Amino acid sequence: IKGLRLLKIKDKYNIPEAAFNEILKVFEISKVSLFKLRKLLGNIVPLEPTLVNCCINSCVAFTGEFINEDHCPYCGEFRYKSSQVARKNASYWSLINTLRAQYKDKARSETLRYRHTYTSTNEYTIGNQISDVFDGFRYKTLVSSGFFSDSRDIALIASTDGYQIFCQKRN
């Protein structure tokens, strides 16, 4: 358990592996190694990040239409530093796999079913009062269109705070 707590601190503060191993020695946690901790964590939470090659200047991810490119189509930088070793990678976690893992925990699973529990009450079905996002017109329209029929369905809302994916700015 101590080792997993230290691993959390390592990730939170981006502590280099060499420094982390020194910390393990100082606190005489010799039975544990970074490799063993990651393996243990992987057994508890079976999630792996997906790595995607990207431009060294973050112009583009080499995926989709750019998957076979050796140079950035925008700045011309090389994709690889040596034979098939990318100069830079970006990682992401699969949303679907993350949600599946959360459903394996009983308490978290109950929290994720809040939407179903809330919308199954008599007050919800007969009331017109808005006290939750699920009382709104948009949600009820989606339900009447056949969405959210399973108690495990999850309503996700994304907020980008001005982040622009496409070059269609209209201000």
Protein backbone atom coordinates (compact mmCIF):
# COMPACT_ATOMS: atom_id res chain seq x y z
CA ILE A 1 0.00 0.00 0.00
CA LYS A 2 2.83 2.42 0.88
CA GLY A 3 4.42 1.69 -2.47
CA LEU A 4 1.20 2.51 -4.35
CA ARG A 5 0.89 5.78 -2.43
CA LEU A 6 4.45 6.65 -3.42
CA LEU A 7 3.66 5.77 -7.04
CA LYS A 8 0.74 8.21 -6.92
CA ILE A 9 3.09 10.94 -5.66
CA LYS A 10 5.63 10.05 -8.36
CA ASP A 11 3.01 10.51 -11.07
CA LYS A 12 1.49 13.63 -9.51
CA TYR A 13 4.82 15.48 -9.30
CA ASN A 14 6.46 13.85 -12.34
CA ILE A 15 9.35 12.44 -10.28
CA PRO A 16 11.99 10.75 -12.48
CA GLU A 17 12.41 6.98 -12.12
CA ALA A 18 15.95 7.27 -10.73
CA ALA A 19 14.77 9.65 -7.99
CA PHE A 20 11.79 7.39 -7.22
CA ASN A 21 14.08 4.38 -6.80
CA GLU A 22 16.31 6.42 -4.45
CA ILE A 23 13.24 7.33 -2.36
CA LEU A 24 12.36 3.63 -2.10
CA LYS A 25 15.89 2.94 -0.79
CA VAL A 26 15.81 5.83 1.72
CA PHE A 27 12.53 4.62 3.21
CA GLU A 28 13.79 1.02 3.12
CA ILE A 29 11.04 -0.21 0.88
CA SER A 30 13.41 -2.67 -0.77
CA LYS A 31 10.86 -5.39 -1.55
CA VAL A 32 9.18 -3.02 -3.99
CA SER A 33 10.38 -1.75 -7.34
CA LEU A 34 8.80 0.62 -9.82
CA PHE A 35 8.21 -2.33 -12.14
CA LYS A 36 6.46 -4.35 -9.39
CA LEU A 37 4.31 -1.37 -8.37
CA ARG A 38 3.19 -0.75 -11.94
CA LYS A 39 2.42 -4.45 -12.36
CA LEU A 40 0.41 -4.47 -9.11
CA LEU A 41 -1.48 -1.35 -10.14
CA GLY A 42 -2.16 -2.93 -13.54
CA ASN A 43 -3.70 -5.95 -11.80
CA ILE A 44 -5.93 -3.70 -9.68
CA VAL A 45 -6.85 -1.27 -12.46
CA PRO A 46 -6.46 -3.06 -15.79
CA LEU A 47 -6.08 0.07 -17.93
CA GLU A 48 -3.30 0.87 -20.34
CA PRO A 49 -2.84 4.22 -22.05
CA THR A 50 -2.82 4.28 -25.83
CA LEU A 51 0.24 5.99 -27.30
CA VAL A 52 0.03 7.97 -30.52
CA ASN A 53 3.04 9.42 -32.34
CA CYS A 54 2.80 13.18 -32.73
CA CYS A 55 4.84 16.01 -34.19
CA ILE A 56 7.67 17.26 -31.98
CA ASN A 57 6.00 20.70 -32.19
CA SER A 58 2.53 19.27 -31.43
CA CYS A 59 1.21 20.25 -34.87
CA VAL A 60 -0.42 16.90 -35.61
CA ALA A 61 -0.99 13.39 -34.28
CA PHE A 62 0.17 10.75 -36.73
CA THR A 63 -3.15 8.95 -36.86
CA GLY A 64 -6.05 8.77 -39.30
CA GLU A 65 -5.04 10.35 -42.60
CA PHE A 66 -1.50 11.03 -41.25
CA ILE A 67 -0.77 7.50 -39.99
CA ASN A 68 1.78 6.72 -42.72
CA GLU A 69 3.51 10.13 -42.79
CA ASP A 70 7.23 10.37 -41.93
CA HIS A 71 7.21 14.18 -41.69
CA CYS A 72 4.79 16.66 -40.17
CA PRO A 73 2.55 18.00 -42.96
CA TYR A 74 2.57 21.44 -41.29
CA CYS A 75 6.10 22.18 -40.08
CA GLY A 76 8.07 19.48 -41.91
CA GLU A 77 9.74 18.01 -38.79
CA PHE A 78 10.73 14.34 -38.88
CA ARG A 79 8.37 11.94 -37.12
CA TYR A 80 11.09 9.49 -36.02
CA LYS A 81 14.41 10.05 -34.25
CA SER A 82 15.67 6.63 -35.35
CA SER A 83 14.25 3.54 -36.99
CA GLN A 84 10.53 3.62 -36.11
CA VAL A 85 11.14 5.32 -32.72
CA ALA A 86 8.92 8.39 -32.53
CA ARG A 87 10.40 11.70 -31.41
CA LYS A 88 7.27 12.47 -29.38
CA ASN A 89 4.19 10.57 -28.24
CA ALA A 90 0.86 11.60 -26.80
CA SER A 91 -1.09 9.23 -24.61
CA TYR A 92 -4.77 8.91 -23.86
CA TRP A 93 -7.01 6.58 -21.91
CA SER A 94 -9.92 4.85 -23.59
CA LEU A 95 -13.09 6.39 -22.19
CA ILE A 96 -15.02 3.14 -22.67
CA ASN A 97 -12.41 1.04 -20.84
CA THR A 98 -12.20 3.62 -18.05
CA LEU A 99 -15.97 3.52 -17.53
CA ARG A 100 -15.98 -0.29 -17.63
CA ALA A 101 -13.32 -0.37 -14.91
CA GLN A 102 -15.38 2.01 -12.76
CA TYR A 103 -18.38 -0.30 -12.98
CA LYS A 104 -16.28 -3.07 -11.41
CA ASP A 105 -16.26 -1.12 -8.12
CA LYS A 106 -19.62 -1.56 -6.35
CA ALA A 107 -19.75 1.89 -4.70
CA ARG A 108 -18.68 3.68 -7.89
CA SER A 109 -21.16 1.62 -9.91
CA GLU A 110 -24.00 2.83 -7.67
CA THR A 111 -22.86 6.43 -8.13
CA LEU A 112 -22.79 5.97 -11.91
CA ARG A 113 -26.38 4.71 -11.80
CA TYR A 114 -27.57 7.94 -10.19
CA ARG A 115 -29.24 9.06 -13.42
CA HIS A 116 -31.34 5.91 -13.56
CA THR A 117 -32.19 6.05 -9.85
CA TYR A 118 -33.15 9.73 -10.03
CA THR A 119 -35.31 9.36 -13.13
CA SER A 120 -37.10 6.27 -11.76
CA THR A 121 -38.80 8.13 -8.90
CA ASN A 122 -42.48 9.12 -8.94
CA GLU A 123 -41.54 12.74 -8.29
CA TYR A 124 -39.51 12.77 -11.50
CA THR A 125 -42.15 11.20 -13.70
CA ILE A 126 -45.02 13.43 -12.54
CA GLY A 127 -43.18 16.62 -11.56
CA ASN A 128 -42.37 19.64 -13.71
CA GLN A 129 -39.83 21.14 -11.34
CA ILE A 130 -36.23 21.45 -12.55
CA SER A 131 -33.74 20.48 -9.88
CA ASP A 132 -31.25 18.41 -11.89
CA VAL A 133 -29.82 18.24 -15.40
CA PHE A 134 -32.07 15.23 -15.99
CA ASP A 135 -35.16 17.44 -15.57
CA GLY A 136 -34.19 19.47 -18.62
CA PHE A 137 -35.86 19.53 -22.01
CA ARG A 138 -32.78 18.21 -23.91
CA TYR A 139 -32.42 15.13 -21.70
CA LYS A 140 -36.14 14.32 -21.83
CA THR A 141 -36.09 14.70 -25.63
CA LEU A 142 -33.21 12.20 -25.84
CA VAL A 143 -35.09 9.76 -23.59
CA SER A 144 -38.21 10.00 -25.78
CA SER A 145 -35.97 9.24 -28.79
CA GLY A 146 -34.87 5.94 -27.22
CA PHE A 147 -31.64 6.96 -25.49
CA PHE A 148 -30.79 6.03 -21.88
CA SER A 149 -33.01 2.94 -21.77
CA ASP A 150 -30.49 0.86 -19.79
CA SER A 151 -29.73 1.62 -16.13
CA ARG A 152 -26.00 1.52 -16.99
CA ASP A 153 -26.23 4.16 -19.75
CA ILE A 154 -24.23 7.27 -18.93
CA ALA A 155 -24.96 10.83 -20.03
CA LEU A 156 -21.68 12.64 -20.74
CA ILE A 157 -21.35 16.38 -21.06
CA ALA A 158 -18.20 17.92 -22.55
CA SER A 159 -17.04 21.45 -21.92
CA THR A 160 -14.03 22.71 -23.84
CA ASP A 161 -13.70 26.25 -22.45
CA GLY A 162 -13.01 27.76 -25.85
CA TYR A 163 -10.82 24.95 -27.18
CA GLN A 164 -11.18 24.90 -30.94
CA ILE A 165 -10.84 21.62 -32.81
CA PHE A 166 -11.72 22.92 -36.27
CA CYS A 167 -10.63 26.14 -38.00
CA GLN A 168 -14.14 27.62 -38.13
CA LYS A 169 -13.86 30.47 -35.66
CA ARG A 170 -16.68 33.03 -35.96
CA ASN A 171 -16.22 35.94 -33.55
